[in-house]
Amino acid sequence: MDKEQTVSQLRQLMSEQLELSLPDVIKEEDRLYEDLNVDSIMVLQLVVYIEEVFNVTVPEEEMDPAVFQTVGSLVDFIHALKGEHIPSTSQILRS
């Protein structure tokens, strides 16, 4: 699964399950709290939905607030939990 697909799934999850009014497209640089109006209770709900949808387990000790700063940081966290390495743009260009 690539980052675009993960962002799309997160958008759908936040829109439907958290009942957030979101733009049609969310970007990796969008901040969860400031730009997408996610609150601390929603973050806890989001963790549960992420575990279900992406079939991962979020260890309590991994609950670093930095993970929930932006859509991109959350996507990277999900891929790390799944054990997937997503190459950066610079890594792709060097190939």
PDB file of N, CA and C in Angstrom:
ATOM      1  N   MET A   1       0.861  -1.180   0.000  1.00  0.00           N
ATOM      2  CA  MET A   1       0.000   0.000   0.000  1.00  0.00           C
ATOM      3  C   MET A   1       0.904   1.240   0.000  1.00  0.00           C
ATOM      4  N   ASP A   2       0.606   2.187  -0.891  1.00  0.00           N
ATOM      5  CA  ASP A   2       1.428   3.391  -0.920  1.00  0.00           C
ATOM      6  C   ASP A   2       0.803   4.488  -0.048  1.00  0.00           C
ATOM      7  N   LYS A   3       1.556   5.572   0.095  1.00  0.00           N
ATOM      8  CA  LYS A   3       1.125   6.653   0.983  1.00  0.00           C
ATOM      9  C   LYS A   3      -0.194   7.279   0.540  1.00  0.00           C
ATOM     10  N   GLU A   4      -0.381   7.432  -0.761  1.00  0.00           N
ATOM     11  CA  GLU A   4      -1.622   8.034  -1.270  1.00  0.00           C
ATOM     12  C   GLU A   4      -2.842   7.209  -0.862  1.00  0.00           C
ATOM     13  N   GLN A   5      -2.722   5.903  -0.969  1.00  0.00           N
ATOM     14  CA  GLN A   5      -3.825   5.026  -0.583  1.00  0.00           C
ATOM     15  C   GLN A   5      -4.100   5.128   0.919  1.00  0.00           C
ATOM     16  N   THR A   6      -3.039   5.206   1.705  1.00  0.00           N
ATOM     17  CA  THR A   6      -3.197   5.319   3.147  1.00  0.00           C
ATOM     18  C   THR A   6      -3.850   6.646   3.513  1.00  0.00           C
ATOM     19  N   VAL A   7      -3.423   7.728   2.886  1.00  0.00           N
ATOM     20  CA  VAL A   7      -4.028   9.045   3.134  1.00  0.00           C
ATOM     21  C   VAL A   7      -5.505   9.002   2.773  1.00  0.00           C
ATOM     22  N   SER A   8      -5.822   8.392   1.650  1.00  0.00           N
ATOM     23  CA  SER A   8      -7.215   8.289   1.213  1.00  0.00           C
ATOM     24  C   SER A   8      -8.048   7.496   2.214  1.00  0.00           C
ATOM     25  N   GLN A   9      -7.502   6.385   2.701  1.00  0.00           N
ATOM     26  CA  GLN A   9      -8.223   5.584   3.691  1.00  0.00           C
ATOM     27  C   GLN A   9      -8.395   6.351   4.998  1.00  0.00           C
ATOM     28  N   LEU A  10      -7.368   7.083   5.407  1.00  0.00           N
ATOM     29  CA  LEU A  10      -7.477   7.890   6.626  1.00  0.00           C
ATOM     30  C   LEU A  10      -8.548   8.959   6.473  1.00  0.00           C
ATOM     31  N   ARG A  11      -8.592   9.591   5.310  1.00  0.00           N
ATOM     32  CA  ARG A  11      -9.590  10.623   5.072  1.00  0.00           C
ATOM     33  C   ARG A  11     -10.995  10.032   5.195  1.00  0.00           C
ATOM     34  N   GLN A  12     -11.192   8.887   4.559  1.00  0.00           N
ATOM     35  CA  GLN A  12     -12.497   8.229   4.611  1.00  0.00           C
ATOM     36  C   GLN A  12     -12.842   7.846   6.050  1.00  0.00           C
ATOM     37  N   LEU A  13     -11.879   7.302   6.759  1.00  0.00           N
ATOM     38  CA  LEU A  13     -12.083   6.884   8.142  1.00  0.00           C
ATOM     39  C   LEU A  13     -12.464   8.084   9.025  1.00  0.00           C
ATOM     40  N   MET A  14     -11.725   9.185   8.897  1.00  0.00           N
ATOM     41  CA  MET A  14     -12.001  10.365   9.719  1.00  0.00           C
ATOM     42  C   MET A  14     -13.341  11.000   9.356  1.00  0.00           C
ATOM     43  N   SER A  15     -13.647  10.985   8.080  1.00  0.00           N
ATOM     44  CA  SER A  15     -14.899  11.575   7.623  1.00  0.00           C
ATOM     45  C   SER A  15     -16.102  10.764   8.096  1.00  0.00           C
ATOM     46  N   GLU A  16     -16.042   9.452   7.907  1.00  0.00           N
ATOM     47  CA  GLU A  16     -17.184   8.595   8.230  1.00  0.00           C
ATOM     48  C   GLU A  16     -17.276   8.249   9.714  1.00  0.00           C
ATOM     49  N   GLN A  17     -16.182   7.838  10.314  1.00  0.00           N
ATOM     50  CA  GLN A  17     -16.224   7.354  11.694  1.00  0.00           C
ATOM     51  C   GLN A  17     -16.171   8.487  12.717  1.00  0.00           C
ATOM     52  N   LEU A  18     -15.387   9.516  12.433  1.00  0.00           N
ATOM     53  CA  LEU A  18     -15.285  10.644  13.365  1.00  0.00           C
ATOM     54  C   LEU A  18     -16.249  11.764  13.000  1.00  0.00           C
ATOM     55  N   GLU A  19     -16.926  11.585  11.855  1.00  0.00           N
ATOM     56  CA  GLU A  19     -17.908  12.550  11.363  1.00  0.00           C
ATOM     57  C   GLU A  19     -17.332  13.958  11.225  1.00  0.00           C
ATOM     58  N   LEU A  20     -16.109  14.009  10.702  1.00  0.00           N
ATOM     59  CA  LEU A  20     -15.468  15.296  10.455  1.00  0.00           C
ATOM     60  C   LEU A  20     -15.820  15.789   9.062  1.00  0.00           C
ATOM     61  N   SER A  21     -15.961  17.086   8.943  1.00  0.00           N
ATOM     62  CA  SER A  21     -16.154  17.700   7.639  1.00  0.00           C
ATOM     63  C   SER A  21     -14.766  18.031   7.094  1.00  0.00           C
ATOM     64  N   LEU A  22     -14.335  17.265   6.104  1.00  0.00           N
ATOM     65  CA  LEU A  22     -12.980  17.400   5.574  1.00  0.00           C
ATOM     66  C   LEU A  22     -13.013  17.846   4.126  1.00  0.00           C
ATOM     67  N   PRO A  23     -11.907  18.469   3.668  1.00  0.00           N
ATOM     68  CA  PRO A  23     -11.823  18.780   2.241  1.00  0.00           C
ATOM     69  C   PRO A  23     -11.793  17.482   1.436  1.00  0.00           C
ATOM     70  N   ASP A  24     -12.086  17.565   0.147  1.00  0.00           N
ATOM     71  CA  ASP A  24     -12.097  16.378  -0.712  1.00  0.00           C
ATOM     72  C   ASP A  24     -10.758  15.657  -0.718  1.00  0.00           C
ATOM     73  N   VAL A  25      -9.695  16.427  -0.607  1.00  0.00           N
ATOM     74  CA  VAL A  25      -8.347  15.863  -0.601  1.00  0.00           C
ATOM     75  C   VAL A  25      -7.627  16.398   0.631  1.00  0.00           C
ATOM     76  N   ILE A  26      -7.041  15.486   1.403  1.00  0.00           N
ATOM     77  CA  ILE A  26      -6.192  15.944   2.494  1.00  0.00           C
ATOM     78  C   ILE A  26      -4.747  15.653   2.116  1.00  0.00           C
ATOM     79  N   LYS A  27      -3.851  16.504   2.588  1.00  0.00           N
ATOM     80  CA  LYS A  27      -2.438  16.396   2.229  1.00  0.00           C
ATOM     81  C   LYS A  27      -1.626  15.931   3.434  1.00  0.00           C
ATOM     82  N   GLU A  28      -0.471  15.367   3.159  1.00  0.00           N
ATOM     83  CA  GLU A  28       0.395  14.885   4.233  1.00  0.00           C
ATOM     84  C   GLU A  28       0.786  16.001   5.201  1.00  0.00           C
ATOM     85  N   GLU A  29       0.877  17.218   4.714  1.00  0.00           N
ATOM     86  CA  GLU A  29       1.290  18.323   5.589  1.00  0.00           C
ATOM     87  C   GLU A  29       0.136  18.898   6.414  1.00  0.00           C
ATOM     88  N   ASP A  30      -1.083  18.441   6.173  1.00  0.00           N
ATOM     89  CA  ASP A  30      -2.229  18.903   6.971  1.00  0.00           C
ATOM     90  C   ASP A  30      -2.042  18.479   8.424  1.00  0.00           C
ATOM     91  N   ARG A  31      -2.221  19.436   9.330  1.00  0.00           N
ATOM     92  CA  ARG A  31      -2.099  19.165  10.766  1.00  0.00           C
ATOM     93  C   ARG A  31      -3.443  18.656  11.286  1.00  0.00           C
ATOM     94  N   LEU A  32      -3.399  17.580  12.048  1.00  0.00           N
ATOM     95  CA  LEU A  32      -4.644  16.967  12.522  1.00  0.00           C
ATOM     96  C   LEU A  32      -5.453  17.925  13.389  1.00  0.00           C
ATOM     97  N   TYR A  33      -4.812  18.538  14.368  1.00  0.00           N
ATOM     98  CA  TYR A  33      -5.550  19.386  15.305  1.00  0.00           C
ATOM     99  C   TYR A  33      -5.938  20.732  14.676  1.00  0.00           C
ATOM    100  N   GLU A  34      -4.966  21.415  14.111  1.00  0.00           N
ATOM    101  CA  GLU A  34      -5.206  22.770  13.619  1.00  0.00           C
ATOM    102  C   GLU A  34      -5.969  22.831  12.299  1.00  0.00           C
ATOM    103  N   ASP A  35      -5.625  21.954  11.358  1.00  0.00           N
ATOM    104  CA  ASP A  35      -6.220  22.036  10.021  1.00  0.00           C
ATOM    105  C   ASP A  35      -7.469  21.165   9.851  1.00  0.00           C
ATOM    106  N   LEU A  36      -7.493  20.007  10.528  1.00  0.00           N
ATOM    107  CA  LEU A  36      -8.594  19.064  10.309  1.00  0.00           C
ATOM    108  C   LEU A  36      -9.562  18.998  11.488  1.00  0.00           C
ATOM    109  N   ASN A  37      -9.293  19.801  12.507  1.00  0.00           N
ATOM    110  CA  ASN A  37     -10.178  19.919  13.683  1.00  0.00           C
ATOM    111  C   ASN A  37     -10.381  18.613  14.448  1.00  0.00           C
ATOM    112  N   VAL A  38      -9.329  17.804  14.534  1.00  0.00           N
ATOM    113  CA  VAL A  38      -9.361  16.590  15.350  1.00  0.00           C
ATOM    114  C   VAL A  38      -9.075  17.016  16.790  1.00  0.00           C
ATOM    115  N   ASP A  39      -9.812  16.448  17.747  1.00  0.00           N
ATOM    116  CA  ASP A  39      -9.526  16.763  19.152  1.00  0.00           C
ATOM    117  C   ASP A  39      -8.938  15.522  19.833  1.00  0.00           C
ATOM    118  N   SER A  40      -8.578  15.656  21.103  1.00  0.00           N
ATOM    119  CA  SER A  40      -7.881  14.569  21.792  1.00  0.00           C
ATOM    120  C   SER A  40      -8.739  13.309  21.926  1.00  0.00           C
ATOM    121  N   ILE A  41     -10.030  13.460  22.107  1.00  0.00           N
ATOM    122  CA  ILE A  41     -10.920  12.295  22.185  1.00  0.00           C
ATOM    123  C   ILE A  41     -10.965  11.600  20.824  1.00  0.00           C
ATOM    124  N   MET A  42     -11.018  12.375  19.760  1.00  0.00           N
ATOM    125  CA  MET A  42     -11.042  11.797  18.416  1.00  0.00           C
ATOM    126  C   MET A  42      -9.767  11.017  18.121  1.00  0.00           C
ATOM    127  N   VAL A  43      -8.640  11.477  18.658  1.00  0.00           N
ATOM    128  CA  VAL A  43      -7.374  10.773  18.436  1.00  0.00           C
ATOM    129  C   VAL A  43      -7.467   9.369  19.025  1.00  0.00           C
ATOM    130  N   LEU A  44      -8.035   9.260  20.211  1.00  0.00           N
ATOM    131  CA  LEU A  44      -8.192   7.942  20.837  1.00  0.00           C
ATOM    132  C   LEU A  44      -9.102   7.050  19.996  1.00  0.00           C
ATOM    133  N   GLN A  45     -10.184   7.623  19.490  1.00  0.00           N
ATOM    134  CA  GLN A  45     -11.082   6.863  18.612  1.00  0.00           C
ATOM    135  C   GLN A  45     -10.360   6.474  17.328  1.00  0.00           C
ATOM    136  N   LEU A  46      -9.582   7.399  16.815  1.00  0.00           N
ATOM    137  CA  LEU A  46      -8.849   7.169  15.577  1.00  0.00           C
ATOM    138  C   LEU A  46      -7.882   5.993  15.722  1.00  0.00           C
ATOM    139  N   VAL A  47      -7.237   5.892  16.858  1.00  0.00           N
ATOM    140  CA  VAL A  47      -6.315   4.784  17.099  1.00  0.00           C
ATOM    141  C   VAL A  47      -7.053   3.451  16.991  1.00  0.00           C
ATOM    142  N   VAL A  48      -8.230   3.366  17.576  1.00  0.00           N
ATOM    143  CA  VAL A  48      -9.026   2.135  17.517  1.00  0.00           C
ATOM    144  C   VAL A  48      -9.377   1.812  16.069  1.00  0.00           C
ATOM    145  N   TYR A  49      -9.822   2.805  15.317  1.00  0.00           N
ATOM    146  CA  TYR A  49     -10.189   2.576  13.917  1.00  0.00           C
ATOM    147  C   TYR A  49      -8.970   2.201  13.075  1.00  0.00           C
ATOM    148  N   ILE A  50      -7.825   2.819  13.346  1.00  0.00           N
ATOM    149  CA  ILE A  50      -6.594   2.491  12.611  1.00  0.00           C
ATOM    150  C   ILE A  50      -6.228   1.032  12.848  1.00  0.00           C
ATOM    151  N   GLU A  51      -6.350   0.598  14.098  1.00  0.00           N
ATOM    152  CA  GLU A  51      -6.035  -0.801  14.406  1.00  0.00           C
ATOM    153  C   GLU A  51      -6.951  -1.739  13.624  1.00  0.00           C
ATOM    154  N   GLU A  52      -8.218  -1.400  13.530  1.00  0.00           N
ATOM    155  CA  GLU A  52      -9.176  -2.249  12.813  1.00  0.00           C
ATOM    156  C   GLU A  52      -8.965  -2.216  11.303  1.00  0.00           C
ATOM    157  N   VAL A  53      -8.894  -1.027  10.748  1.00  0.00           N
ATOM    158  CA  VAL A  53      -8.837  -0.866   9.289  1.00  0.00           C
ATOM    159  C   VAL A  53      -7.505  -1.341   8.711  1.00  0.00           C
ATOM    160  N   PHE A  54      -6.407  -1.010   9.391  1.00  0.00           N
ATOM    161  CA  PHE A  54      -5.086  -1.337   8.862  1.00  0.00           C
ATOM    162  C   PHE A  54      -4.518  -2.638   9.446  1.00  0.00           C
ATOM    163  N   ASN A  55      -5.303  -3.287  10.316  1.00  0.00           N
ATOM    164  CA  ASN A  55      -4.902  -4.555  10.906  1.00  0.00           C
ATOM    165  C   ASN A  55      -3.536  -4.470  11.584  1.00  0.00           C
ATOM    166  N   VAL A  56      -3.385  -3.465  12.456  1.00  0.00           N
ATOM    167  CA  VAL A  56      -2.162  -3.264  13.228  1.00  0.00           C
ATOM    168  C   VAL A  56      -2.524  -3.132  14.700  1.00  0.00           C
ATOM    169  N   THR A  57      -1.530  -3.227  15.545  1.00  0.00           N
ATOM    170  CA  THR A  57      -1.704  -2.977  16.965  1.00  0.00           C
ATOM    171  C   THR A  57      -0.830  -1.793  17.335  1.00  0.00           C
ATOM    172  N   VAL A  58      -1.420  -0.799  17.957  1.00  0.00           N
ATOM    173  CA  VAL A  58      -0.678   0.384  18.379  1.00  0.00           C
ATOM    174  C   VAL A  58      -0.294   0.189  19.845  1.00  0.00           C
ATOM    175  N   PRO A  59       0.989  -0.077  20.112  1.00  0.00           N
ATOM    176  CA  PRO A  59       1.420  -0.249  21.495  1.00  0.00           C
ATOM    177  C   PRO A  59       1.290   1.070  22.259  1.00  0.00           C
ATOM    178  N   GLU A  60       0.857   0.993  23.514  1.00  0.00           N
ATOM    179  CA  GLU A  60       0.668   2.212  24.302  1.00  0.00           C
ATOM    180  C   GLU A  60       1.938   3.041  24.386  1.00  0.00           C
ATOM    181  N   GLU A  61       3.099   2.368  24.477  1.00  0.00           N
ATOM    182  CA  GLU A  61       4.355   3.113  24.585  1.00  0.00           C
ATOM    183  C   GLU A  61       4.710   3.851  23.289  1.00  0.00           C
ATOM    184  N   GLU A  62       4.027   3.524  22.205  1.00  0.00           N
ATOM    185  CA  GLU A  62       4.255   4.195  20.918  1.00  0.00           C
ATOM    186  C   GLU A  62       3.342   5.410  20.729  1.00  0.00           C
ATOM    187  N   MET A  63       2.564   5.732  21.711  1.00  0.00           N
ATOM    188  CA  MET A  63       1.593   6.819  21.597  1.00  0.00           C
ATOM    189  C   MET A  63       2.263   8.179  21.785  1.00  0.00           C
ATOM    190  N   ASP A  64       3.242   8.466  20.982  1.00  0.00           N
ATOM    191  CA  ASP A  64       3.962   9.735  21.008  1.00  0.00           C
ATOM    192  C   ASP A  64       3.092  10.790  20.336  1.00  0.00           C
ATOM    193  N   PRO A  65       2.873  11.923  21.002  1.00  0.00           N
ATOM    194  CA  PRO A  65       2.043  12.977  20.398  1.00  0.00           C
ATOM    195  C   PRO A  65       2.536  13.428  19.018  1.00  0.00           C
ATOM    196  N   ALA A  66       3.824  13.307  18.758  1.00  0.00           N
ATOM    197  CA  ALA A  66       4.375  13.720  17.459  1.00  0.00           C
ATOM    198  C   ALA A  66       3.771  12.916  16.312  1.00  0.00           C
ATOM    199  N   VAL A  67       3.356  11.679  16.586  1.00  0.00           N
ATOM    200  CA  VAL A  67       2.742  10.832  15.560  1.00  0.00           C
ATOM    201  C   VAL A  67       1.467  11.482  15.032  1.00  0.00           C
ATOM    202  N   PHE A  68       0.785  12.230  15.880  1.00  0.00           N
ATOM    203  CA  PHE A  68      -0.514  12.790  15.525  1.00  0.00           C
ATOM    204  C   PHE A  68      -0.445  14.274  15.155  1.00  0.00           C
ATOM    205  N   GLN A  69       0.740  14.749  14.779  1.00  0.00           N
ATOM    206  CA  GLN A  69       0.865  16.152  14.382  1.00  0.00           C
ATOM    207  C   GLN A  69       0.318  16.409  12.989  1.00  0.00           C
ATOM    208  N   THR A  70       0.696  15.553  12.044  1.00  0.00           N
ATOM    209  CA  THR A  70       0.260  15.750  10.663  1.00  0.00           C
ATOM    210  C   THR A  70      -0.259  14.441  10.080  1.00  0.00           C
ATOM    211  N   VAL A  71      -0.950  14.554   8.976  1.00  0.00           N
ATOM    212  CA  VAL A  71      -1.415  13.366   8.259  1.00  0.00           C
ATOM    213  C   VAL A  71      -0.205  12.530   7.857  1.00  0.00           C
ATOM    214  N   GLY A  72       0.846  13.184   7.390  1.00  0.00           N
ATOM    215  CA  GLY A  72       2.051  12.478   6.961  1.00  0.00           C
ATOM    216  C   GLY A  72       2.722  11.704   8.081  1.00  0.00           C
ATOM    217  N   SER A  73       2.819  12.305   9.271  1.00  0.00           N
ATOM    218  CA  SER A  73       3.449  11.597  10.391  1.00  0.00           C
ATOM    219  C   SER A  73       2.608  10.393  10.797  1.00  0.00           C
ATOM    220  N   LEU A  74       1.294  10.508  10.695  1.00  0.00           N
ATOM    221  CA  LEU A  74       0.408   9.395  11.021  1.00  0.00           C
ATOM    222  C   LEU A  74       0.528   8.286   9.974  1.00  0.00           C
ATOM    223  N   VAL A  75       0.620   8.661   8.721  1.00  0.00           N
ATOM    224  CA  VAL A  75       0.793   7.680   7.638  1.00  0.00           C
ATOM    225  C   VAL A  75       2.117   6.925   7.819  1.00  0.00           C
ATOM    226  N   ASP A  76       3.191   7.656   8.117  1.00  0.00           N
ATOM    227  CA  ASP A  76       4.490   7.009   8.329  1.00  0.00           C
ATOM    228  C   ASP A  76       4.419   6.029   9.493  1.00  0.00           C
ATOM    229  N   PHE A  77       3.717   6.415  10.547  1.00  0.00           N
ATOM    230  CA  PHE A  77       3.562   5.571  11.726  1.00  0.00           C
ATOM    231  C   PHE A  77       2.813   4.285  11.366  1.00  0.00           C
ATOM    232  N   ILE A  78       1.737   4.423  10.611  1.00  0.00           N
ATOM    233  CA  ILE A  78       0.953   3.245  10.195  1.00  0.00           C
ATOM    234  C   ILE A  78       1.822   2.297   9.378  1.00  0.00           C
ATOM    235  N   HIS A  79       2.577   2.843   8.429  1.00  0.00           N
ATOM    236  CA  HIS A  79       3.432   1.996   7.596  1.00  0.00           C
ATOM    237  C   HIS A  79       4.535   1.345   8.428  1.00  0.00           C
ATOM    238  N   ALA A  80       5.050   2.044   9.431  1.00  0.00           N
ATOM    239  CA  ALA A  80       6.064   1.457  10.313  1.00  0.00           C
ATOM    240  C   ALA A  80       5.463   0.299  11.107  1.00  0.00           C
ATOM    241  N   LEU A  81       4.233   0.477  11.581  1.00  0.00           N
ATOM    242  CA  LEU A  81       3.571  -0.600  12.320  1.00  0.00           C
ATOM    243  C   LEU A  81       3.338  -1.821  11.439  1.00  0.00           C
ATOM    244  N   LYS A  82       3.088  -1.578  10.174  1.00  0.00           N
ATOM    245  CA  LYS A  82       2.856  -2.683   9.239  1.00  0.00           C
ATOM    246  C   LYS A  82       4.172  -3.294   8.756  1.00  0.00           C
ATOM    247  N   GLY A  83       5.276  -2.674   9.154  1.00  0.00           N
ATOM    248  CA  GLY A  83       6.577  -3.180   8.730  1.00  0.00           C
ATOM    249  C   GLY A  83       6.893  -2.875   7.289  1.00  0.00           C
ATOM    250  N   GLU A  84       6.247  -1.856   6.754  1.00  0.00           N
ATOM    251  CA  GLU A  84       6.460  -1.473   5.355  1.00  0.00           C
ATOM    252  C   GLU A  84       7.416  -0.302   5.293  1.00  0.00           C
ATOM    253  N   HIS A  85       8.360  -0.389   4.404  1.00  0.00           N
ATOM    254  CA  HIS A  85       9.276   0.734   4.171  1.00  0.00           C
ATOM    255  C   HIS A  85       8.795   1.468   2.926  1.00  0.00           C
ATOM    256  N   ILE A  86       8.457   2.713   3.101  1.00  0.00           N
ATOM    257  CA  ILE A  86       8.034   3.542   1.971  1.00  0.00           C
ATOM    258  C   ILE A  86       9.205   4.443   1.611  1.00  0.00           C
ATOM    259  N   PRO A  87       9.786   4.266   0.433  1.00  0.00           N
ATOM    260  CA  PRO A  87      10.951   5.089   0.083  1.00  0.00           C
ATOM    261  C   PRO A  87      10.569   6.555  -0.082  1.00  0.00           C
ATOM    262  N   SER A  88      11.496   7.406   0.310  1.00  0.00           N
ATOM    263  CA  SER A  88      11.272   8.839   0.123  1.00  0.00           C
ATOM    264  C   SER A  88      11.474   9.175  -1.347  1.00  0.00           C
ATOM    265  N   THR A  89      11.081  10.369  -1.732  1.00  0.00           N
ATOM    266  CA  THR A  89      11.231  10.802  -3.127  1.00  0.00           C
ATOM    267  C   THR A  89      12.682  10.761  -3.558  1.00  0.00           C
ATOM    268  N   SER A  90      13.593  11.188  -2.670  1.00  0.00           N
ATOM    269  CA  SER A  90      15.021  11.194  -3.028  1.00  0.00           C
ATOM    270  C   SER A  90      15.535   9.770  -3.250  1.00  0.00           C
ATOM    271  N   GLN A  91      15.046   8.797  -2.496  1.00  0.00           N
ATOM    272  CA  GLN A  91      15.449   7.411  -2.687  1.00  0.00           C
ATOM    273  C   GLN A  91      14.940   6.888  -4.022  1.00  0.00           C
ATOM    274  N   ILE A  92      13.747   7.289  -4.411  1.00  0.00           N
ATOM    275  CA  ILE A  92      13.183   6.853  -5.689  1.00  0.00           C
ATOM    276  C   ILE A  92      13.979   7.441  -6.843  1.00  0.00           C
ATOM    277  N   LEU A  93      14.363   8.707  -6.732  1.00  0.00           N
ATOM    278  CA  LEU A  93      15.099   9.382  -7.803  1.00  0.00           C
ATOM    279  C   LEU A  93      16.495   8.788  -8.002  1.00  0.00           C
ATOM    280  N   ARG A  94      17.109   8.273  -6.927  1.00  0.00           N
ATOM    281  CA  ARG A  94      18.437   7.688  -7.025  1.00  0.00           C
ATOM    282  C   ARG A  94      18.403   6.311  -7.670  1.00  0.00           C
ATOM    283  N   SER A  95      17.260   5.674  -7.714  1.00  0.00           N
ATOM    284  CA  SER A  95      17.164   4.296  -8.246  1.00  0.00           C
ATOM    285  C   SER A  95      17.312   4.256  -9.742  1.00  0.00           C
TER     286      SER A  95
END
